[in-house]
PDB file of all heavy atoms in Angstrom:
ATOM      1  N   ILE A   1      77.883 104.377 124.473  1.00  0.00           N
ATOM      2  CA  ILE A   1      78.776 103.843 123.453  1.00  0.00           C
ATOM      3  C   ILE A   1      78.414 104.285 122.053  1.00  0.00           C
ATOM      4  O   ILE A   1      77.228 104.285 121.705  1.00  0.00           O
ATOM      5  CB  ILE A   1      78.816 102.315 123.600  1.00  0.00           C
ATOM      6  CG1 ILE A   1      79.403 101.836 124.825  1.00  0.00           C
ATOM      7  CG2 ILE A   1      79.582 101.747 122.363  1.00  0.00           C
ATOM      8  CD1 ILE A   1      79.464 100.309 125.139  1.00  0.00           C
ATOM      9  N   ASP A   2      79.409 104.815 121.271  1.00  0.00           N
ATOM     10  CA  ASP A   2      79.184 105.141 119.842  1.00  0.00           C
ATOM     11  C   ASP A   2      79.124 103.824 119.043  1.00  0.00           C
ATOM     12  O   ASP A   2      80.077 103.357 118.692  1.00  0.00           O
ATOM     13  CB  ASP A   2      80.354 106.081 119.426  1.00  0.00           C
ATOM     14  CG  ASP A   2      80.139 106.491 118.120  1.00  0.00           C
ATOM     15  OD1 ASP A   2      79.150 106.005 117.260  1.00  0.00           O
ATOM     16  OD2 ASP A   2      80.863 107.410 117.616  1.00  0.00           O
ATOM     17  N   LYS A   3      77.940 103.441 118.745  1.00  0.00           N
ATOM     18  CA  LYS A   3      77.748 102.139 118.067  1.00  0.00           C
ATOM     19  C   LYS A   3      78.172 102.140 116.572  1.00  0.00           C
ATOM     20  O   LYS A   3      78.646 101.156 116.021  1.00  0.00           O
ATOM     21  CB  LYS A   3      76.257 101.653 118.046  1.00  0.00           C
ATOM     22  CG  LYS A   3      75.553 101.821 119.361  1.00  0.00           C
ATOM     23  CD  LYS A   3      76.032 100.867 120.504  1.00  0.00           C
ATOM     24  CE  LYS A   3      75.159 100.877 121.763  1.00  0.00           C
ATOM     25  NZ  LYS A   3      74.941 102.138 122.419  1.00  0.00           N
ATOM     26  N   GLU A   4      78.324 103.394 116.115  1.00  0.00           N
ATOM     27  CA  GLU A   4      78.833 103.518 114.687  1.00  0.00           C
ATOM     28  C   GLU A   4      80.381 103.375 114.470  1.00  0.00           C
ATOM     29  O   GLU A   4      80.808 102.864 113.575  1.00  0.00           O
ATOM     30  CB  GLU A   4      78.238 104.881 114.064  1.00  0.00           C
ATOM     31  CG  GLU A   4      76.775 105.018 113.984  1.00  0.00           C
ATOM     32  CD  GLU A   4      76.143 103.972 112.934  1.00  0.00           C
ATOM     33  OE1 GLU A   4      76.848 103.780 111.963  1.00  0.00           O
ATOM     34  OE2 GLU A   4      75.092 103.319 113.313  1.00  0.00           O
ATOM     35  N   ASN A   5      80.985 103.991 115.539  1.00  0.00           N
ATOM     36  CA  ASN A   5      82.460 104.182 115.362  1.00  0.00           C
ATOM     37  C   ASN A   5      83.173 103.291 116.407  1.00  0.00           C
ATOM     38  O   ASN A   5      84.436 103.236 116.234  1.00  0.00           O
ATOM     39  CB  ASN A   5      82.842 105.580 115.440  1.00  0.00           C
ATOM     40  CG  ASN A   5      82.183 106.386 114.324  1.00  0.00           C
ATOM     41  OD1 ASN A   5      82.463 106.076 113.149  1.00  0.00           O
ATOM     42  ND2 ASN A   5      81.415 107.390 114.733  1.00  0.00           N
ATOM     43  N   ASP A   6      82.715 102.750 117.449  1.00  0.00           N
ATOM     44  CA  ASP A   6      83.322 102.162 118.493  1.00  0.00           C
ATOM     45  C   ASP A   6      82.879 100.705 118.691  1.00  0.00           C
ATOM     46  O   ASP A   6      83.373 100.036 119.591  1.00  0.00           O
ATOM     47  CB  ASP A   6      83.258 102.846 119.751  1.00  0.00           C
ATOM     48  CG  ASP A   6      83.964 104.240 119.651  1.00  0.00           C
ATOM     49  OD1 ASP A   6      84.891 104.417 118.860  1.00  0.00           O
ATOM     50  OD2 ASP A   6      83.665 105.062 120.567  1.00  0.00           O
ATOM     51  N   VAL A   7      82.095 100.192 117.781  1.00  0.00           N
ATOM     52  CA  VAL A   7      81.657  98.729 117.861  1.00  0.00           C
ATOM     53  C   VAL A   7      82.107  98.051 116.645  1.00  0.00           C
ATOM     54  O   VAL A   7      81.815  98.516 115.614  1.00  0.00           O
ATOM     55  CB  VAL A   7      80.144  98.607 118.097  1.00  0.00           C
ATOM     56  CG1 VAL A   7      79.694  97.195 117.949  1.00  0.00           C
ATOM     57  CG2 VAL A   7      79.745  99.198 119.436  1.00  0.00           C
ATOM     58  N   LEU A   8      82.752  96.997 116.695  1.00  0.00           N
ATOM     59  CA  LEU A   8      83.228  96.257 115.656  1.00  0.00           C
ATOM     60  C   LEU A   8      82.188  95.241 115.167  1.00  0.00           C
ATOM     61  O   LEU A   8      81.941  94.244 115.846  1.00  0.00           O
ATOM     62  CB  LEU A   8      84.533  95.495 115.979  1.00  0.00           C
ATOM     63  CG  LEU A   8      85.431  94.885 114.909  1.00  0.00           C
ATOM     64  CD1 LEU A   8      85.888  96.021 114.037  1.00  0.00           C
ATOM     65  CD2 LEU A   8      86.645  94.242 115.491  1.00  0.00           C
ATOM     66  N   PRO A   9      81.577  95.303 114.000  1.00  0.00           N
ATOM     67  CA  PRO A   9      80.486  94.573 113.470  1.00  0.00           C
ATOM     68  C   PRO A   9      81.055  93.282 112.725  1.00  0.00           C
ATOM     69  O   PRO A   9      80.786  93.027 111.674  1.00  0.00           O
ATOM     70  CB  PRO A   9      79.853  95.395 112.381  1.00  0.00           C
ATOM     71  CG  PRO A   9      80.981  96.215 111.846  1.00  0.00           C
ATOM     72  CD  PRO A   9      81.937  96.553 112.942  1.00  0.00           C
ATOM     73  N   SER A  10      81.743  92.509 113.655  1.00  0.00           N
ATOM     74  CA  SER A  10      82.554  91.371 113.221  1.00  0.00           C
ATOM     75  C   SER A  10      81.737  90.291 112.308  1.00  0.00           C
ATOM     76  O   SER A  10      82.232  90.022 111.254  1.00  0.00           O
ATOM     77  CB  SER A  10      83.345  90.689 114.405  1.00  0.00           C
ATOM     78  OG  SER A  10      84.031  91.554 115.141  1.00  0.00           O
ATOM     79  N   MET A  11      80.690  89.949 112.840  1.00  0.00           N
ATOM     80  CA  MET A  11      79.944  88.874 112.219  1.00  0.00           C
ATOM     81  C   MET A  11      79.396  89.234 110.809  1.00  0.00           C
ATOM     82  O   MET A  11      78.919  88.354 110.161  1.00  0.00           O
ATOM     83  CB  MET A  11      78.830  88.100 113.078  1.00  0.00           C
ATOM     84  CG  MET A  11      77.742  89.021 113.476  1.00  0.00           C
ATOM     85  SD  MET A  11      76.555  88.259 114.364  1.00  0.00           S
ATOM     86  CE  MET A  11      77.458  87.772 115.819  1.00  0.00           C
ATOM     87  N   PHE A  12      79.196  90.508 110.572  1.00  0.00           N
ATOM     88  CA  PHE A  12      78.524  90.938 109.487  1.00  0.00           C
ATOM     89  C   PHE A  12      79.549  91.154 108.267  1.00  0.00           C
ATOM     90  O   PHE A  12      79.277  91.592 107.157  1.00  0.00           O
ATOM     91  CB  PHE A  12      77.779  92.190 109.581  1.00  0.00           C
ATOM     92  CG  PHE A  12      76.637  92.111 110.673  1.00  0.00           C
ATOM     93  CD1 PHE A  12      76.802  92.616 111.922  1.00  0.00           C
ATOM     94  CD2 PHE A  12      75.491  91.544 110.230  1.00  0.00           C
ATOM     95  CE1 PHE A  12      75.753  92.303 112.741  1.00  0.00           C
ATOM     96  CE2 PHE A  12      74.491  91.301 111.212  1.00  0.00           C
ATOM     97  CZ  PHE A  12      74.579  91.768 112.474  1.00  0.00           C
ATOM     98  N   ILE A  13      80.905  91.066 108.648  1.00  0.00           N
ATOM     99  CA  ILE A  13      81.927  91.183 107.626  1.00  0.00           C
ATOM    100  C   ILE A  13      82.480  89.860 107.249  1.00  0.00           C
ATOM    101  O   ILE A  13      82.911  89.025 108.069  1.00  0.00           O
ATOM    102  CB  ILE A  13      82.946  92.070 108.128  1.00  0.00           C
ATOM    103  CG1 ILE A  13      82.488  93.550 108.625  1.00  0.00           C
ATOM    104  CG2 ILE A  13      84.286  92.295 107.170  1.00  0.00           C
ATOM    105  CD1 ILE A  13      83.461  94.432 109.274  1.00  0.00           C
ATOM    106  N   LYS A  14      82.600  89.661 105.973  1.00  0.00           N
ATOM    107  CA  LYS A  14      83.111  88.336 105.281  1.00  0.00           C
ATOM    108  C   LYS A  14      84.403  88.807 104.612  1.00  0.00           C
ATOM    109  O   LYS A  14      84.464  89.776 103.791  1.00  0.00           O
ATOM    110  CB  LYS A  14      82.174  87.846 104.400  1.00  0.00           C
ATOM    111  CG  LYS A  14      80.764  87.329 105.040  1.00  0.00           C
ATOM    112  CD  LYS A  14      81.097  86.121 106.120  1.00  0.00           C
ATOM    113  CE  LYS A  14      79.833  85.696 106.709  1.00  0.00           C
ATOM    114  NZ  LYS A  14      79.954  84.645 107.647  1.00  0.00           N
ATOM    115  N   TYR A  15      85.440  87.936 104.880  1.00  0.00           N
ATOM    116  CA  TYR A  15      86.800  88.278 104.117  1.00  0.00           C
ATOM    117  C   TYR A  15      86.944  87.141 103.051  1.00  0.00           C
ATOM    118  O   TYR A  15      86.395  86.175 102.983  1.00  0.00           O
ATOM    119  CB  TYR A  15      87.868  88.077 105.193  1.00  0.00           C
ATOM    120  CG  TYR A  15      87.794  89.040 106.322  1.00  0.00           C
ATOM    121  CD1 TYR A  15      87.120  88.730 107.598  1.00  0.00           C
ATOM    122  CD2 TYR A  15      88.422  90.308 106.236  1.00  0.00           C
ATOM    123  CE1 TYR A  15      86.983  89.720 108.601  1.00  0.00           C
ATOM    124  CE2 TYR A  15      88.222  91.163 107.306  1.00  0.00           C
ATOM    125  CZ  TYR A  15      87.593  90.943 108.418  1.00  0.00           C
ATOM    126  OH  TYR A  15      87.490  91.772 109.472  1.00  0.00           O
ATOM    127  N   SER A  16      87.816  87.773 102.065  1.00  0.00           N
ATOM    128  CA  SER A  16      88.191  86.780 100.974  1.00  0.00           C
ATOM    129  C   SER A  16      88.904  85.585 101.515  1.00  0.00           C
ATOM    130  O   SER A  16      89.440  85.652 102.553  1.00  0.00           O
ATOM    131  CB  SER A  16      88.950  87.515  99.860  1.00  0.00           C
ATOM    132  OG  SER A  16      90.245  87.724 100.322  1.00  0.00           O
ATOM    133  N   LYS A  17      89.042  84.580 100.637  1.00  0.00           N
ATOM    134  CA  LYS A  17      89.803  83.364 101.024  1.00  0.00           C
ATOM    135  C   LYS A  17      91.239  83.673 101.469  1.00  0.00           C
ATOM    136  O   LYS A  17      91.804  83.199 102.383  1.00  0.00           O
ATOM    137  CB  LYS A  17      89.743  82.289  99.915  1.00  0.00           C
ATOM    138  CG  LYS A  17      90.540  81.074 100.231  1.00  0.00           C
ATOM    139  CD  LYS A  17      90.588  80.136  98.949  1.00  0.00           C
ATOM    140  CE  LYS A  17      91.515  79.034  99.266  1.00  0.00           C
ATOM    141  NZ  LYS A  17      91.487  78.065  98.130  1.00  0.00           N
ATOM    142  N   ASP A  18      91.848  84.503 100.396  1.00  0.00           N
ATOM    143  CA  ASP A  18      93.335  84.820 100.773  1.00  0.00           C
ATOM    144  C   ASP A  18      93.500  85.604 102.009  1.00  0.00           C
ATOM    145  O   ASP A  18      94.338  85.336 102.783  1.00  0.00           O
ATOM    146  CB  ASP A  18      93.860  85.575  99.527  1.00  0.00           C
ATOM    147  CG  ASP A  18      93.995  84.655  98.288  1.00  0.00           C
ATOM    148  OD1 ASP A  18      94.007  83.417  98.481  1.00  0.00           O
ATOM    149  OD2 ASP A  18      94.132  85.196  97.184  1.00  0.00           O
ATOM    150  N   ASP A  19      92.562  86.602 102.173  1.00  0.00           N
ATOM    151  CA  ASP A  19      92.743  87.387 103.456  1.00  0.00           C
ATOM    152  C   ASP A  19      92.357  86.650 104.592  1.00  0.00           C
ATOM    153  O   ASP A  19      93.067  86.940 105.634  1.00  0.00           O
ATOM    154  CB  ASP A  19      91.781  88.746 103.283  1.00  0.00           C
ATOM    155  CG  ASP A  19      92.277  89.782 102.186  1.00  0.00           C
ATOM    156  OD1 ASP A  19      93.505  89.798 102.066  1.00  0.00           O
ATOM    157  OD2 ASP A  19      91.537  90.464 101.748  1.00  0.00           O
ATOM    158  N   ASN A  20      91.396  85.812 104.631  1.00  0.00           N
ATOM    159  CA  ASN A  20      91.070  84.948 105.678  1.00  0.00           C
ATOM    160  C   ASN A  20      92.300  84.055 106.066  1.00  0.00           C
ATOM    161  O   ASN A  20      92.652  83.993 107.262  1.00  0.00           O
ATOM    162  CB  ASN A  20      89.896  84.078 105.385  1.00  0.00           C
ATOM    163  CG  ASN A  20      88.599  84.269 106.203  1.00  0.00           C
ATOM    164  OD1 ASN A  20      88.856  84.716 107.395  1.00  0.00           O
ATOM    165  ND2 ASN A  20      87.553  83.944 105.708  1.00  0.00           N
ATOM    166  N   ASN A  21      92.939  83.482 105.120  1.00  0.00           N
ATOM    167  CA  ASN A  21      94.088  82.573 105.423  1.00  0.00           C
ATOM    168  C   ASN A  21      95.116  83.346 106.032  1.00  0.00           C
ATOM    169  O   ASN A  21      95.884  82.893 106.877  1.00  0.00           O
ATOM    170  CB  ASN A  21      94.467  81.955 104.126  1.00  0.00           C
ATOM    171  CG  ASN A  21      93.552  80.858 103.618  1.00  0.00           C
ATOM    172  OD1 ASN A  21      92.791  80.345 104.423  1.00  0.00           O
ATOM    173  ND2 ASN A  21      93.658  80.498 102.436  1.00  0.00           N
ATOM    174  N   ALA A  22      95.474  84.515 105.502  1.00  0.00           N
ATOM    175  CA  ALA A  22      96.557  85.335 105.998  1.00  0.00           C
ATOM    176  C   ALA A  22      96.329  85.924 107.390  1.00  0.00           C
ATOM    177  O   ALA A  22      97.268  85.747 108.241  1.00  0.00           O
ATOM    178  CB  ALA A  22      96.666  86.639 105.000  1.00  0.00           C
ATOM    179  N   MET A  23      95.096  86.299 107.612  1.00  0.00           N
ATOM    180  CA  MET A  23      94.761  86.772 108.930  1.00  0.00           C
ATOM    181  C   MET A  23      94.709  85.665 109.958  1.00  0.00           C
ATOM    182  O   MET A  23      95.241  85.752 111.295  1.00  0.00           O
ATOM    183  CB  MET A  23      93.349  87.384 108.880  1.00  0.00           C
ATOM    184  CG  MET A  23      93.340  88.751 108.138  1.00  0.00           C
ATOM    185  SD  MET A  23      91.712  89.296 108.083  1.00  0.00           S
ATOM    186  CE  MET A  23      91.200  89.493 109.881  1.00  0.00           C
ATOM    187  N   SER A  24      94.338  84.435 109.596  1.00  0.00           N
ATOM    188  CA  SER A  24      94.232  83.264 110.522  1.00  0.00           C
ATOM    189  C   SER A  24      95.620  82.973 110.943  1.00  0.00           C
ATOM    190  O   SER A  24      95.884  82.595 112.034  1.00  0.00           O
ATOM    191  CB  SER A  24      93.525  82.233 109.804  1.00  0.00           C
ATOM    192  OG  SER A  24      93.462  80.985 110.688  1.00  0.00           O
ATOM    193  N   LEU A  25      96.570  83.020 110.123  1.00  0.00           N
ATOM    194  CA  LEU A  25      97.977  82.577 110.398  1.00  0.00           C
ATOM    195  C   LEU A  25      98.416  83.500 111.391  1.00  0.00           C
ATOM    196  O   LEU A  25      99.195  83.215 112.432  1.00  0.00           O
ATOM    197  CB  LEU A  25      98.744  82.454 109.125  1.00  0.00           C
ATOM    198  CG  LEU A  25     100.235  82.191 109.415  1.00  0.00           C
ATOM    199  CD1 LEU A  25     100.464  80.780 110.171  1.00  0.00           C
ATOM    200  CD2 LEU A  25     101.021  82.222 108.131  1.00  0.00           C
ATOM    201  N   VAL A  26      98.295  84.894 111.134  1.00  0.00           N
ATOM    202  CA  VAL A  26      98.812  85.868 112.033  1.00  0.00           C
ATOM    203  C   VAL A  26      98.190  85.727 113.365  1.00  0.00           C
ATOM    204  O   VAL A  26      98.857  85.868 114.398  1.00  0.00           O
ATOM    205  CB  VAL A  26      98.587  87.270 111.470  1.00  0.00           C
ATOM    206  CG1 VAL A  26      98.773  88.402 112.387  1.00  0.00           C
ATOM    207  CG2 VAL A  26      99.430  87.660 110.199  1.00  0.00           C
ATOM    208  N   ASN A  27      96.883  85.558 113.433  1.00  0.00           N
ATOM    209  CA  ASN A  27      96.186  85.482 114.710  1.00  0.00           C
ATOM    210  C   ASN A  27      96.643  84.321 115.540  1.00  0.00           C
ATOM    211  O   ASN A  27      96.697  84.344 116.791  1.00  0.00           O
ATOM    212  CB  ASN A  27      94.625  85.442 114.396  1.00  0.00           C
ATOM    213  CG  ASN A  27      94.042  86.747 114.104  1.00  0.00           C
ATOM    214  OD1 ASN A  27      94.620  87.777 114.306  1.00  0.00           O
ATOM    215  ND2 ASN A  27      92.983  86.695 113.355  1.00  0.00           N
ATOM    216  N   THR A  28      96.805  83.099 114.860  1.00  0.00           N
ATOM    217  CA  THR A  28      97.411  81.951 115.649  1.00  0.00           C
ATOM    218  C   THR A  28      98.660  82.374 116.355  1.00  0.00           C
ATOM    219  O   THR A  28      98.876  82.082 117.492  1.00  0.00           O
ATOM    220  CB  THR A  28      97.546  80.787 114.603  1.00  0.00           C
ATOM    221  OG1 THR A  28      96.257  80.413 114.182  1.00  0.00           O
ATOM    222  CG2 THR A  28      98.118  79.521 115.533  1.00  0.00           C
ATOM    223  N   ASN A  29      99.485  82.935 115.616  1.00  0.00           N
ATOM    224  CA  ASN A  29     100.915  83.278 116.161  1.00  0.00           C
ATOM    225  C   ASN A  29     100.743  84.377 117.158  1.00  0.00           C
ATOM    226  O   ASN A  29     101.429  84.369 118.142  1.00  0.00           O
ATOM    227  CB  ASN A  29     101.844  83.616 115.027  1.00  0.00           C
ATOM    228  CG  ASN A  29     102.193  82.604 114.071  1.00  0.00           C
ATOM    229  OD1 ASN A  29     102.222  81.368 114.575  1.00  0.00           O
ATOM    230  ND2 ASN A  29     102.508  82.847 112.876  1.00  0.00           N
ATOM    231  N   LEU A  30      99.837  85.348 116.937  1.00  0.00           N
ATOM    232  CA  LEU A  30      99.473  86.398 117.921  1.00  0.00           C
ATOM    233  C   LEU A  30      99.050  85.832 119.181  1.00  0.00           C
ATOM    234  O   LEU A  30      99.615  86.266 120.254  1.00  0.00           O
ATOM    235  CB  LEU A  30      98.621  87.329 117.294  1.00  0.00           C
ATOM    236  CG  LEU A  30      97.980  88.520 118.203  1.00  0.00           C
ATOM    237  CD1 LEU A  30      99.108  89.431 118.772  1.00  0.00           C
ATOM    238  CD2 LEU A  30      96.995  89.260 117.524  1.00  0.00           C
ATOM    239  N   MET A  31      98.149  85.060 119.202  1.00  0.00           N
ATOM    240  CA  MET A  31      97.625  84.380 120.408  1.00  0.00           C
ATOM    241  C   MET A  31      98.615  83.415 121.173  1.00  0.00           C
ATOM    242  O   MET A  31      98.749  83.514 122.375  1.00  0.00           O
ATOM    243  CB  MET A  31      96.399  83.549 120.112  1.00  0.00           C
ATOM    244  CG  MET A  31      95.106  84.402 119.667  1.00  0.00           C
ATOM    245  SD  MET A  31      94.619  85.661 120.969  1.00  0.00           S
ATOM    246  CE  MET A  31      95.467  87.049 120.230  1.00  0.00           C
ATOM    247  N   ASN A  32      99.449  82.823 120.407  1.00  0.00           N
ATOM    248  CA  ASN A  32     100.348  81.958 121.012  1.00  0.00           C
ATOM    249  C   ASN A  32     101.450  82.851 121.922  1.00  0.00           C
ATOM    250  O   ASN A  32     101.834  82.403 123.025  1.00  0.00           O
ATOM    251  CB  ASN A  32     101.286  81.301 119.962  1.00  0.00           C
ATOM    252  CG  ASN A  32     100.482  80.130 119.367  1.00  0.00           C
ATOM    253  OD1 ASN A  32      99.528  79.625 119.935  1.00  0.00           O
ATOM    254  ND2 ASN A  32     100.976  79.515 118.084  1.00  0.00           N
ATOM    255  N   LEU A  33     101.786  83.929 121.397  1.00  0.00           N
ATOM    256  CA  LEU A  33     102.659  84.864 122.137  1.00  0.00           C
ATOM    257  C   LEU A  33     101.892  85.696 123.167  1.00  0.00           C
ATOM    258  O   LEU A  33     102.240  85.706 124.462  1.00  0.00           O
ATOM    259  CB  LEU A  33     103.295  85.842 121.215  1.00  0.00           C
ATOM    260  CG  LEU A  33     104.084  86.981 121.831  1.00  0.00           C
ATOM    261  CD1 LEU A  33     105.330  86.265 122.663  1.00  0.00           C
ATOM    262  CD2 LEU A  33     104.797  87.897 120.799  1.00  0.00           C
ATOM    263  N   ALA A  34     100.863  86.239 122.767  1.00  0.00           N
ATOM    264  CA  ALA A  34     100.092  87.259 123.662  1.00  0.00           C
ATOM    265  C   ALA A  34      99.511  86.521 124.857  1.00  0.00           C
ATOM    266  O   ALA A  34      99.633  87.191 125.997  1.00  0.00           O
ATOM    267  CB  ALA A  34      98.970  88.031 123.001  1.00  0.00           C
TER     268      ALA A  34
END
C-alpha cells in the first residue's frame, strides 16, 4: 500500500469550525441515504 498517497491521515487533520459544521451536515444526510 502506498502510505503517502493511498492512506487518509484522518486523525491528524483538523478542520475549521465552519468547515466542520458544513461537512457534518452533509455527512449526516449522506449516511441517511447511502
